[in-house]
Amino acid sequence: MDGFENAAALLPTELRRALSSLDPAIKNRAEEFRIRLGQRPTVLLDNGEHPLSGACAVDAALLRAVFERVTGASLYTHAGELRQGFICVQGGIRVGVCGRAYTDDRGIRGFHSISSLAVRIPREIAGCAEAFVRDTASFPSTIIISPPGGGKTTLLRDMIRLLSNRRMRVSLADERGEVAGVWNGEAQLDVGVCTDIMTGAPKAESAMLLLRAMNPQLLALDEITDPADVRACLQACNCGVRLLATAHARDEKDLLCRRLYLDLLENKAFDRAVIIRTENGHRSYREAWL
């Protein structure tokens, strides 16, 4: 329940009180808190958003209070993250930000006003990856796939933890800080004892630096979303480094239909896919050899 309680601690008293009254089973399933101006707060579960019972519609003062808690009342400290639309908070919590942005020739520079926040609750499920990590010597390059919100990051984190604790050198390109939850240089979420983590930079740039500097046996990254990520993965393959990554797709057939991943699949960058499926609130896992 730590992830839920840590995320709830970012919210004002009236919202924390409403959240504390939720059934423990709901708390365990909660994935995000959604706070939108003029709307009642909601809790995102695996079957959709649910209005928070006992909570009133969000006004500008409440939204501003949450934002100040999230930023520690220091916008300057979080300026770089805000340009990417999110803020990382101690404990591996990521807060998505939406509102009226202002831009310059380099893109988004910040926000004039905030209209909604998405507080993502980090989940650690130790042992959920045991079936897919039999030993380090024969661990195949693996891509974890599911639709958004399917639990890819949780499974990725546990795979990294298991491999790292078995003395495999893992380099993690953790652009958004969701996998390891690094705070002041230290991982807040368990990614094992032999994992080197790069945060705060685009995944592709982090991956290339890690390959040059840290001599990894395994390169891990969350969400291949850009051609630059693909090039970094192919470079890792050319260096003899195994890969562990996630991608958005329904299954391996859907992955094959997505142009972004064609180079990776044609060059056999991944040996195996692990497919996550959610049905009636329950997740199941299946592996497929590529």
C-alpha atoms as a PDB file:
ATOM      1  CA  MET A   1       0.000   0.000   0.000  1.00  0.00           C
ATOM      2  CA  ASP A   2       3.053   2.313   0.215  1.00  0.00           C
ATOM      3  CA  GLY A   3       2.673   3.587  -3.341  1.00  0.00           C
ATOM      4  CA  PHE A   4      -0.963   4.500  -2.762  1.00  0.00           C
ATOM      5  CA  GLU A   5      -0.256   6.241   0.567  1.00  0.00           C
ATOM      6  CA  ASN A   6       2.753   8.115  -0.816  1.00  0.00           C
ATOM      7  CA  ALA A   7       0.724   9.368  -3.776  1.00  0.00           C
ATOM      8  CA  ALA A   8      -2.212  10.324  -1.541  1.00  0.00           C
ATOM      9  CA  ALA A   9       0.153  12.320   0.680  1.00  0.00           C
ATOM     10  CA  LEU A  10       0.552  14.802  -2.187  1.00  0.00           C
ATOM     11  CA  LEU A  11      -3.116  15.745  -1.962  1.00  0.00           C
ATOM     12  CA  PRO A  12      -4.903  18.184   0.385  1.00  0.00           C
ATOM     13  CA  THR A  13      -6.560  16.936   3.570  1.00  0.00           C
ATOM     14  CA  GLU A  14     -10.083  16.684   2.152  1.00  0.00           C
ATOM     15  CA  LEU A  15      -8.952  14.445  -0.695  1.00  0.00           C
ATOM     16  CA  ARG A  16      -6.746  12.311   1.552  1.00  0.00           C
ATOM     17  CA  ARG A  17      -9.725  11.787   3.862  1.00  0.00           C
ATOM     18  CA  ALA A  18     -11.896  10.604   0.962  1.00  0.00           C
ATOM     19  CA  LEU A  19      -9.164   8.283  -0.295  1.00  0.00           C
ATOM     20  CA  SER A  20      -8.537   6.805   3.158  1.00  0.00           C
ATOM     21  CA  SER A  21     -12.154   5.593   3.283  1.00  0.00           C
ATOM     22  CA  LEU A  22     -11.770   3.472   0.143  1.00  0.00           C
ATOM     23  CA  ASP A  23     -11.918  -0.295   0.453  1.00  0.00           C
ATOM     24  CA  PRO A  24      -8.404  -1.826   0.696  1.00  0.00           C
ATOM     25  CA  ALA A  25      -9.089  -3.892  -2.429  1.00  0.00           C
ATOM     26  CA  ILE A  26      -9.755  -0.678  -4.357  1.00  0.00           C
ATOM     27  CA  LYS A  27      -6.575   0.888  -2.990  1.00  0.00           C
ATOM     28  CA  ASN A  28      -4.582  -2.115  -4.184  1.00  0.00           C
ATOM     29  CA  ARG A  29      -6.029  -1.785  -7.692  1.00  0.00           C
ATOM     30  CA  ALA A  30      -5.694   1.990  -7.994  1.00  0.00           C
ATOM     31  CA  GLU A  31      -3.349   3.122 -10.780  1.00  0.00           C
ATOM     32  CA  GLU A  32      -3.808   6.909 -10.819  1.00  0.00           C
ATOM     33  CA  PHE A  33      -5.600   9.816  -9.217  1.00  0.00           C
ATOM     34  CA  ARG A  34      -7.110  12.216 -11.778  1.00  0.00           C
ATOM     35  CA  ILE A  35      -7.735  15.808 -10.708  1.00  0.00           C
ATOM     36  CA  ARG A  36      -9.491  18.054 -13.245  1.00  0.00           C
ATOM     37  CA  LEU A  37     -10.666  21.626 -12.804  1.00  0.00           C
ATOM     38  CA  GLY A  38     -14.455  21.739 -12.415  1.00  0.00           C
ATOM     39  CA  GLN A  39     -14.824  17.959 -12.091  1.00  0.00           C
ATOM     40  CA  ARG A  40     -14.909  15.529  -9.187  1.00  0.00           C
ATOM     41  CA  PRO A  41     -11.577  13.741  -8.636  1.00  0.00           C
ATOM     42  CA  THR A  42     -11.458  10.189  -9.929  1.00  0.00           C
ATOM     43  CA  VAL A  43      -9.484   7.046  -9.166  1.00  0.00           C
ATOM     44  CA  LEU A  44      -8.266   5.119 -12.197  1.00  0.00           C
ATOM     45  CA  LEU A  45      -8.646   1.356 -11.822  1.00  0.00           C
ATOM     46  CA  ASP A  46      -7.996  -1.410 -14.323  1.00  0.00           C
ATOM     47  CA  ASN A  47     -11.611  -1.096 -15.515  1.00  0.00           C
ATOM     48  CA  GLY A  48     -11.695   2.688 -15.928  1.00  0.00           C
ATOM     49  CA  GLU A  49     -12.099   5.898 -13.916  1.00  0.00           C
ATOM     50  CA  HIS A  50     -14.368   6.081 -10.875  1.00  0.00           C
ATOM     51  CA  PRO A  51     -15.466   9.342  -9.163  1.00  0.00           C
ATOM     52  CA  LEU A  52     -14.093   9.663  -5.644  1.00  0.00           C
ATOM     53  CA  SER A  53     -16.979   9.336  -3.219  1.00  0.00           C
ATOM     54  CA  GLY A  54     -17.294  12.214  -0.772  1.00  0.00           C
ATOM     55  CA  ALA A  55     -15.169  14.608  -2.839  1.00  0.00           C
ATOM     56  CA  CYS A  56     -16.470  17.848  -4.336  1.00  0.00           C
ATOM     57  CA  ALA A  57     -15.664  19.274  -7.754  1.00  0.00           C
ATOM     58  CA  VAL A  58     -12.109  20.572  -8.007  1.00  0.00           C
ATOM     59  CA  ASP A  59     -11.712  24.355  -7.929  1.00  0.00           C
ATOM     60  CA  ALA A  60      -8.674  26.428  -8.890  1.00  0.00           C
ATOM     61  CA  ALA A  61      -7.505  26.773  -5.274  1.00  0.00           C
ATOM     62  CA  LEU A  62      -7.466  23.003  -4.708  1.00  0.00           C
ATOM     63  CA  LEU A  63      -5.700  22.336  -7.990  1.00  0.00           C
ATOM     64  CA  ARG A  64      -3.116  25.015  -7.163  1.00  0.00           C
ATOM     65  CA  ALA A  65      -2.582  23.486  -3.702  1.00  0.00           C
ATOM     66  CA  VAL A  66      -1.893  20.059  -5.205  1.00  0.00           C
ATOM     67  CA  PHE A  67       0.478  21.525  -7.772  1.00  0.00           C
ATOM     68  CA  GLU A  68       2.404  23.389  -5.069  1.00  0.00           C
ATOM     69  CA  ARG A  69       2.749  20.176  -3.056  1.00  0.00           C
ATOM     70  CA  VAL A  70       3.969  18.307  -6.108  1.00  0.00           C
ATOM     71  CA  THR A  71       6.572  20.948  -7.035  1.00  0.00           C
ATOM     72  CA  GLY A  72       7.545  21.833  -3.471  1.00  0.00           C
ATOM     73  CA  ALA A  73       6.453  25.380  -4.418  1.00  0.00           C
ATOM     74  CA  SER A  74       9.494  25.623  -6.716  1.00  0.00           C
ATOM     75  CA  LEU A  75       8.641  25.720 -10.419  1.00  0.00           C
ATOM     76  CA  TYR A  76      12.244  26.517 -11.321  1.00  0.00           C
ATOM     77  CA  THR A  77      13.468  23.197  -9.877  1.00  0.00           C
ATOM     78  CA  HIS A  78      11.083  21.263 -12.099  1.00  0.00           C
ATOM     79  CA  ALA A  79      11.296  23.396 -15.242  1.00  0.00           C
ATOM     80  CA  GLY A  80      13.031  20.692 -17.287  1.00  0.00           C
ATOM     81  CA  GLU A  81      10.473  18.042 -16.398  1.00  0.00           C
ATOM     82  CA  LEU A  82       7.530  20.381 -16.957  1.00  0.00           C
ATOM     83  CA  ARG A  83       8.669  20.891 -20.541  1.00  0.00           C
ATOM     84  CA  GLN A  84       8.022  17.166 -21.001  1.00  0.00           C
ATOM     85  CA  GLY A  85       4.605  17.387 -19.330  1.00  0.00           C
ATOM     86  CA  PHE A  86       5.301  15.623 -16.055  1.00  0.00           C
ATOM     87  CA  ILE A  87       7.013  15.926 -12.676  1.00  0.00           C
ATOM     88  CA  CYS A  88       8.790  13.130 -10.800  1.00  0.00           C
ATOM     89  CA  VAL A  89       8.223  13.036  -7.048  1.00  0.00           C
ATOM     90  CA  GLN A  90      10.013  11.154  -4.284  1.00  0.00           C
ATOM     91  CA  GLY A  91       8.918   7.534  -4.073  1.00  0.00           C
ATOM     92  CA  GLY A  92       8.750   6.908  -7.820  1.00  0.00           C
ATOM     93  CA  ILE A  93       5.531   8.894  -8.291  1.00  0.00           C
ATOM     94  CA  ARG A  94       5.022  10.635 -11.631  1.00  0.00           C
ATOM     95  CA  VAL A  95       2.550  13.480 -11.985  1.00  0.00           C
ATOM     96  CA  GLY A  96       1.299  14.322 -15.471  1.00  0.00           C
ATOM     97  CA  VAL A  97       0.486  17.992 -16.045  1.00  0.00           C
ATOM     98  CA  CYS A  98      -2.028  19.501 -18.473  1.00  0.00           C
ATOM     99  CA  GLY A  99      -3.086  23.110 -18.998  1.00  0.00           C
ATOM    100  CA  ARG A 100      -2.338  26.249 -20.963  1.00  0.00           C
ATOM    101  CA  ALA A 101       1.254  25.967 -22.122  1.00  0.00           C
ATOM    102  CA  TYR A 102       3.584  28.670 -23.347  1.00  0.00           C
ATOM    103  CA  THR A 103       6.211  27.997 -25.986  1.00  0.00           C
ATOM    104  CA  ASP A 104       9.226  29.424 -27.752  1.00  0.00           C
ATOM    105  CA  ASP A 105      11.271  28.241 -30.723  1.00  0.00           C
ATOM    106  CA  ARG A 106      12.538  25.301 -28.638  1.00  0.00           C
ATOM    107  CA  GLY A 107       9.047  24.014 -27.801  1.00  0.00           C
ATOM    108  CA  ILE A 108       7.057  24.014 -24.563  1.00  0.00           C
ATOM    109  CA  ARG A 109       8.718  26.134 -21.866  1.00  0.00           C
ATOM    110  CA  GLY A 110       6.125  25.870 -19.095  1.00  0.00           C
ATOM    111  CA  PHE A 111       2.495  26.461 -18.176  1.00  0.00           C
ATOM    112  CA  HIS A 112       0.516  29.655 -17.621  1.00  0.00           C
ATOM    113  CA  SER A 113      -2.175  27.691 -15.805  1.00  0.00           C
ATOM    114  CA  ILE A 114      -2.902  24.090 -14.854  1.00  0.00           C
ATOM    115  CA  SER A 115      -6.220  22.457 -15.695  1.00  0.00           C
ATOM    116  CA  SER A 116      -5.602  18.825 -14.709  1.00  0.00           C
ATOM    117  CA  LEU A 117      -3.135  16.504 -12.999  1.00  0.00           C
ATOM    118  CA  ALA A 118      -2.647  12.747 -13.257  1.00  0.00           C
ATOM    119  CA  VAL A 119      -0.913  11.301 -10.188  1.00  0.00           C
ATOM    120  CA  ARG A 120       0.424   7.875 -11.153  1.00  0.00           C
ATOM    121  CA  ILE A 121       0.790   5.361  -8.328  1.00  0.00           C
ATOM    122  CA  PRO A 122       3.981   3.263  -8.509  1.00  0.00           C
ATOM    123  CA  ARG A 123       3.531  -0.475  -8.008  1.00  0.00           C
ATOM    124  CA  GLU A 124       6.125  -3.011  -6.971  1.00  0.00           C
ATOM    125  CA  ILE A 125       5.055  -6.650  -7.255  1.00  0.00           C
ATOM    126  CA  ALA A 126       8.113  -8.619  -6.233  1.00  0.00           C
ATOM    127  CA  GLY A 127       8.238 -11.977  -7.967  1.00  0.00           C
ATOM    128  CA  CYS A 128       5.772 -11.252 -10.766  1.00  0.00           C
ATOM    129  CA  ALA A 129       8.543 -11.838 -13.326  1.00  0.00           C
ATOM    130  CA  GLU A 130       9.909 -15.089 -11.862  1.00  0.00           C
ATOM    131  CA  ALA A 131       8.469 -17.230 -14.664  1.00  0.00           C
ATOM    132  CA  PHE A 132      10.335 -15.188 -17.281  1.00  0.00           C
ATOM    133  CA  VAL A 133      13.739 -14.955 -15.588  1.00  0.00           C
ATOM    134  CA  ARG A 134      15.007 -18.493 -15.328  1.00  0.00           C
ATOM    135  CA  ASP A 135      18.728 -17.671 -15.279  1.00  0.00           C
ATOM    136  CA  THR A 136      20.998 -14.884 -16.421  1.00  0.00           C
ATOM    137  CA  ALA A 137      23.201 -16.875 -18.798  1.00  0.00           C
ATOM    138  CA  SER A 138      20.337 -17.810 -21.107  1.00  0.00           C
ATOM    139  CA  PHE A 139      18.123 -14.753 -20.617  1.00  0.00           C
ATOM    140  CA  PRO A 140      16.802 -13.786 -24.080  1.00  0.00           C
ATOM    141  CA  SER A 141      16.429 -10.217 -25.284  1.00  0.00           C
ATOM    142  CA  THR A 142      12.829  -9.493 -24.351  1.00  0.00           C
ATOM    143  CA  ILE A 143      10.154  -6.971 -25.280  1.00  0.00           C
ATOM    144  CA  ILE A 144       7.151  -6.606 -22.959  1.00  0.00           C
ATOM    145  CA  ILE A 145       3.974  -5.554 -24.730  1.00  0.00           C
ATOM    146  CA  SER A 146       0.479  -4.494 -23.692  1.00  0.00           C
ATOM    147  CA  PRO A 147      -1.894  -1.580 -24.277  1.00  0.00           C
ATOM    148  CA  PRO A 148      -1.322   1.528 -22.086  1.00  0.00           C
ATOM    149  CA  GLY A 149      -1.893   0.847 -18.396  1.00  0.00           C
ATOM    150  CA  GLY A 150      -1.400  -2.896 -18.810  1.00  0.00           C
ATOM    151  CA  GLY A 151       1.380  -3.285 -16.244  1.00  0.00           C
ATOM    152  CA  LYS A 152       4.438  -3.226 -18.511  1.00  0.00           C
ATOM    153  CA  THR A 153       6.555  -1.043 -16.231  1.00  0.00           C
ATOM    154  CA  THR A 154       5.802  -3.188 -13.171  1.00  0.00           C
ATOM    155  CA  LEU A 155       6.885  -6.362 -14.968  1.00  0.00           C
ATOM    156  CA  LEU A 156       9.937  -4.613 -16.431  1.00  0.00           C
ATOM    157  CA  ARG A 157      11.016  -3.423 -12.976  1.00  0.00           C
ATOM    158  CA  ASP A 158      10.770  -6.900 -11.484  1.00  0.00           C
ATOM    159  CA  MET A 159      12.713  -8.467 -14.364  1.00  0.00           C
ATOM    160  CA  ILE A 160      15.468  -5.903 -13.850  1.00  0.00           C
ATOM    161  CA  ARG A 161      15.482  -6.568 -10.098  1.00  0.00           C
ATOM    162  CA  LEU A 162      15.766 -10.336 -10.514  1.00  0.00           C
ATOM    163  CA  LEU A 163      18.520 -10.181 -13.153  1.00  0.00           C
ATOM    164  CA  SER A 164      20.470  -7.525 -11.266  1.00  0.00           C
ATOM    165  CA  ASN A 165      20.323  -9.450  -7.997  1.00  0.00           C
ATOM    166  CA  ARG A 166      21.704 -12.466  -9.869  1.00  0.00           C
ATOM    167  CA  ARG A 167      24.759 -10.329 -10.711  1.00  0.00           C
ATOM    168  CA  MET A 168      23.951  -9.344 -14.261  1.00  0.00           C
ATOM    169  CA  ARG A 169      25.155  -5.803 -15.035  1.00  0.00           C
ATOM    170  CA  VAL A 170      22.033  -3.885 -16.023  1.00  0.00           C
ATOM    171  CA  SER A 171      21.986  -0.355 -17.431  1.00  0.00           C
ATOM    172  CA  LEU A 172      18.596   1.333 -17.184  1.00  0.00           C
ATOM    173  CA  ALA A 173      17.646   4.343 -19.317  1.00  0.00           C
ATOM    174  CA  ASP A 174      14.877   5.695 -17.069  1.00  0.00           C
ATOM    175  CA  GLU A 175      13.858   8.904 -18.853  1.00  0.00           C
ATOM    176  CA  ARG A 176      10.684   9.576 -16.868  1.00  0.00           C
ATOM    177  CA  GLY A 177      11.877   8.122 -13.561  1.00  0.00           C
ATOM    178  CA  GLU A 178       9.018   5.627 -13.382  1.00  0.00           C
ATOM    179  CA  VAL A 179      11.046   2.429 -13.290  1.00  0.00           C
ATOM    180  CA  ALA A 180      13.522   3.149 -10.479  1.00  0.00           C
ATOM    181  CA  GLY A 181      12.022   6.302  -8.940  1.00  0.00           C
ATOM    182  CA  VAL A 182      15.455   7.863  -8.418  1.00  0.00           C
ATOM    183  CA  TRP A 183      15.489  10.656  -5.833  1.00  0.00           C
ATOM    184  CA  ASN A 184      18.707  12.520  -4.971  1.00  0.00           C
ATOM    185  CA  GLY A 185      20.664   9.866  -6.826  1.00  0.00           C
ATOM    186  CA  GLU A 186      19.143   6.859  -5.053  1.00  0.00           C
ATOM    187  CA  ALA A 187      16.517   4.479  -6.437  1.00  0.00           C
ATOM    188  CA  GLN A 188      13.317   4.553  -4.384  1.00  0.00           C
ATOM    189  CA  LEU A 189      12.007   1.413  -6.106  1.00  0.00           C
ATOM    190  CA  ASP A 190      13.905  -1.876  -6.066  1.00  0.00           C
ATOM    191  CA  VAL A 191      15.784  -2.472  -9.312  1.00  0.00           C
ATOM    192  CA  GLY A 192      18.495  -4.700  -7.844  1.00  0.00           C
ATOM    193  CA  VAL A 193      22.072  -4.338  -6.705  1.00  0.00           C
ATOM    194  CA  CYS A 194      23.882  -4.352 -10.075  1.00  0.00           C
ATOM    195  CA  THR A 195      21.804  -1.749 -11.906  1.00  0.00           C
ATOM    196  CA  ASP A 196      23.168   1.572 -13.160  1.00  0.00           C
ATOM    197  CA  ILE A 197      20.465   4.160 -13.827  1.00  0.00           C
ATOM    198  CA  MET A 198      20.445   7.202 -16.107  1.00  0.00           C
ATOM    199  CA  THR A 199      17.565   9.645 -15.630  1.00  0.00           C
ATOM    200  CA  GLY A 200      16.578  13.078 -16.886  1.00  0.00           C
ATOM    201  CA  ALA A 201      17.627  12.602 -20.512  1.00  0.00           C
ATOM    202  CA  PRO A 202      15.934  11.124 -23.602  1.00  0.00           C
ATOM    203  CA  LYS A 203      16.111   7.328 -23.619  1.00  0.00           C
ATOM    204  CA  ALA A 204      18.179   7.112 -26.782  1.00  0.00           C
ATOM    205  CA  GLU A 205      20.836   9.528 -25.510  1.00  0.00           C
ATOM    206  CA  SER A 206      20.938   7.794 -22.136  1.00  0.00           C
ATOM    207  CA  ALA A 207      21.254   4.407 -23.813  1.00  0.00           C
ATOM    208  CA  MET A 208      24.252   5.480 -25.893  1.00  0.00           C
ATOM    209  CA  LEU A 209      25.998   6.965 -22.866  1.00  0.00           C
ATOM    210  CA  LEU A 210      25.348   3.824 -20.823  1.00  0.00           C
ATOM    211  CA  LEU A 211      26.725   1.623 -23.607  1.00  0.00           C
ATOM    212  CA  ARG A 212      29.905   3.695 -23.763  1.00  0.00           C
ATOM    213  CA  ALA A 213      30.452   4.231 -20.062  1.00  0.00           C
ATOM    214  CA  MET A 214      28.989   1.367 -18.011  1.00  0.00           C
ATOM    215  CA  ASN A 215      29.815  -1.845 -19.922  1.00  0.00           C
ATOM    216  CA  PRO A 216      26.350  -3.370 -19.457  1.00  0.00           C
ATOM    217  CA  GLN A 217      25.366  -6.954 -20.138  1.00  0.00           C
ATOM    218  CA  LEU A 218      21.733  -5.858 -20.444  1.00  0.00           C
ATOM    219  CA  LEU A 219      20.269  -2.526 -21.577  1.00  0.00           C
ATOM    220  CA  ALA A 220      16.774  -1.805 -20.234  1.00  0.00           C
ATOM    221  CA  LEU A 221      14.421   0.968 -21.301  1.00  0.00           C
ATOM    222  CA  ASP A 222      10.734   1.676 -20.788  1.00  0.00           C
ATOM    223  CA  GLU A 223       8.566   2.357 -23.861  1.00  0.00           C
ATOM    224  CA  ILE A 224      10.206   2.396 -27.272  1.00  0.00           C
ATOM    225  CA  THR A 225       8.374   5.360 -28.797  1.00  0.00           C
ATOM    226  CA  ASP A 226      10.791   7.048 -31.199  1.00  0.00           C
ATOM    227  CA  PRO A 227      13.048   6.067 -34.126  1.00  0.00           C
ATOM    228  CA  ALA A 228      16.011   7.226 -32.016  1.00  0.00           C
ATOM    229  CA  ASP A 229      15.092   4.580 -29.417  1.00  0.00           C
ATOM    230  CA  VAL A 230      15.105   1.961 -32.173  1.00  0.00           C
ATOM    231  CA  ARG A 231      18.562   3.047 -33.344  1.00  0.00           C
ATOM    232  CA  ALA A 232      19.899   2.860 -29.777  1.00  0.00           C
ATOM    233  CA  CYS A 233      18.535  -0.668 -29.382  1.00  0.00           C
ATOM    234  CA  LEU A 234      20.146  -1.766 -32.643  1.00  0.00           C
ATOM    235  CA  GLN A 235      23.448  -0.237 -31.540  1.00  0.00           C
ATOM    236  CA  ALA A 236      23.235  -2.228 -28.299  1.00  0.00           C
ATOM    237  CA  CYS A 237      22.691  -5.410 -30.326  1.00  0.00           C
ATOM    238  CA  ASN A 238      25.738  -4.617 -32.434  1.00  0.00           C
ATOM    239  CA  CYS A 239      27.736  -4.323 -29.193  1.00  0.00           C
ATOM    240  CA  GLY A 240      26.595  -7.744 -28.035  1.00  0.00           C
ATOM    241  CA  VAL A 241      24.388  -6.331 -25.291  1.00  0.00           C
ATOM    242  CA  ARG A 242      21.043  -7.962 -24.555  1.00  0.00           C
ATOM    243  CA  LEU A 243      17.870  -5.872 -24.477  1.00  0.00           C
ATOM    244  CA  LEU A 244      14.871  -5.570 -22.173  1.00  0.00           C
ATOM    245  CA  ALA A 245      12.227  -3.040 -23.212  1.00  0.00           C
ATOM    246  CA  THR A 246       8.512  -2.306 -23.363  1.00  0.00           C
ATOM    247  CA  ALA A 247       6.210  -1.236 -26.181  1.00  0.00           C
ATOM    248  CA  HIS A 248       2.542  -0.446 -26.760  1.00  0.00           C
ATOM    249  CA  ALA A 249       0.745  -3.204 -28.661  1.00  0.00           C
ATOM    250  CA  ARG A 250      -2.077  -5.677 -28.075  1.00  0.00           C
ATOM    251  CA  ASP A 251      -0.003  -8.768 -28.898  1.00  0.00           C
ATOM    252  CA  GLU A 252       2.884  -9.965 -31.071  1.00  0.00           C
ATOM    253  CA  LYS A 253       0.769  -9.778 -34.258  1.00  0.00           C
ATOM    254  CA  ASP A 254      -0.132  -6.171 -33.524  1.00  0.00           C
ATOM    255  CA  LEU A 255       3.560  -5.437 -32.880  1.00  0.00           C
ATOM    256  CA  LEU A 256       4.432  -6.766 -36.334  1.00  0.00           C
ATOM    257  CA  CYS A 257       1.968  -4.307 -37.888  1.00  0.00           C
ATOM    258  CA  ARG A 258       3.578  -1.238 -36.316  1.00  0.00           C
ATOM    259  CA  ARG A 259       6.117   0.428 -38.600  1.00  0.00           C
ATOM    260  CA  LEU A 260       8.225   1.774 -35.721  1.00  0.00           C
ATOM    261  CA  TYR A 261       9.254  -1.722 -34.653  1.00  0.00           C
ATOM    262  CA  LEU A 262       9.940  -3.237 -38.085  1.00  0.00           C
ATOM    263  CA  ASP A 263      13.708  -2.626 -38.017  1.00  0.00           C
ATOM    264  CA  LEU A 264      13.968  -4.198 -34.574  1.00  0.00           C
ATOM    265  CA  LEU A 265      12.020  -7.278 -35.616  1.00  0.00           C
ATOM    266  CA  GLU A 266      13.725  -7.662 -38.996  1.00  0.00           C
ATOM    267  CA  ASN A 267      17.145  -7.421 -37.336  1.00  0.00           C
ATOM    268  CA  LYS A 268      16.159  -9.930 -34.617  1.00  0.00           C
ATOM    269  CA  ALA A 269      16.857  -7.423 -31.838  1.00  0.00           C
ATOM    270  CA  PHE A 270      14.434  -9.316 -29.590  1.00  0.00           C
ATOM    271  CA  ASP A 271      14.195 -13.066 -29.131  1.00  0.00           C
ATOM    272  CA  ARG A 272      11.003 -13.069 -27.107  1.00  0.00           C
ATOM    273  CA  ALA A 273       7.866 -11.075 -26.407  1.00  0.00           C
ATOM    274  CA  VAL A 274       5.999 -11.210 -23.111  1.00  0.00           C
ATOM    275  CA  ILE A 275       2.372 -10.242 -23.680  1.00  0.00           C
ATOM    276  CA  ILE A 276       0.265  -8.868 -20.833  1.00  0.00           C
ATOM    277  CA  ARG A 277      -3.498  -9.150 -21.080  1.00  0.00           C
ATOM    278  CA  THR A 278      -6.024  -7.635 -18.666  1.00  0.00           C
ATOM    279  CA  GLU A 279      -9.496  -9.115 -18.446  1.00  0.00           C
ATOM    280  CA  ASN A 280     -12.106  -8.546 -15.736  1.00  0.00           C
ATOM    281  CA  GLY A 281      -9.509  -6.825 -13.586  1.00  0.00           C
ATOM    282  CA  HIS A 282      -7.027  -9.719 -13.759  1.00  0.00           C
ATOM    283  CA  ARG A 283      -3.699  -9.726 -15.617  1.00  0.00           C
ATOM    284  CA  SER A 284      -2.324 -12.753 -17.383  1.00  0.00           C
ATOM    285  CA  TYR A 285       1.099 -13.211 -18.980  1.00  0.00           C
ATOM    286  CA  ARG A 286       2.125 -15.149 -22.079  1.00  0.00           C
ATOM    287  CA  GLU A 287       5.453 -15.447 -23.876  1.00  0.00           C
ATOM    288  CA  ALA A 288       5.970 -15.736 -27.627  1.00  0.00           C
ATOM    289  CA  TRP A 289       9.232 -16.368 -29.452  1.00  0.00           C
ATOM    290  CA  LEU A 290       9.911 -13.921 -32.277  1.00  0.00           C
END
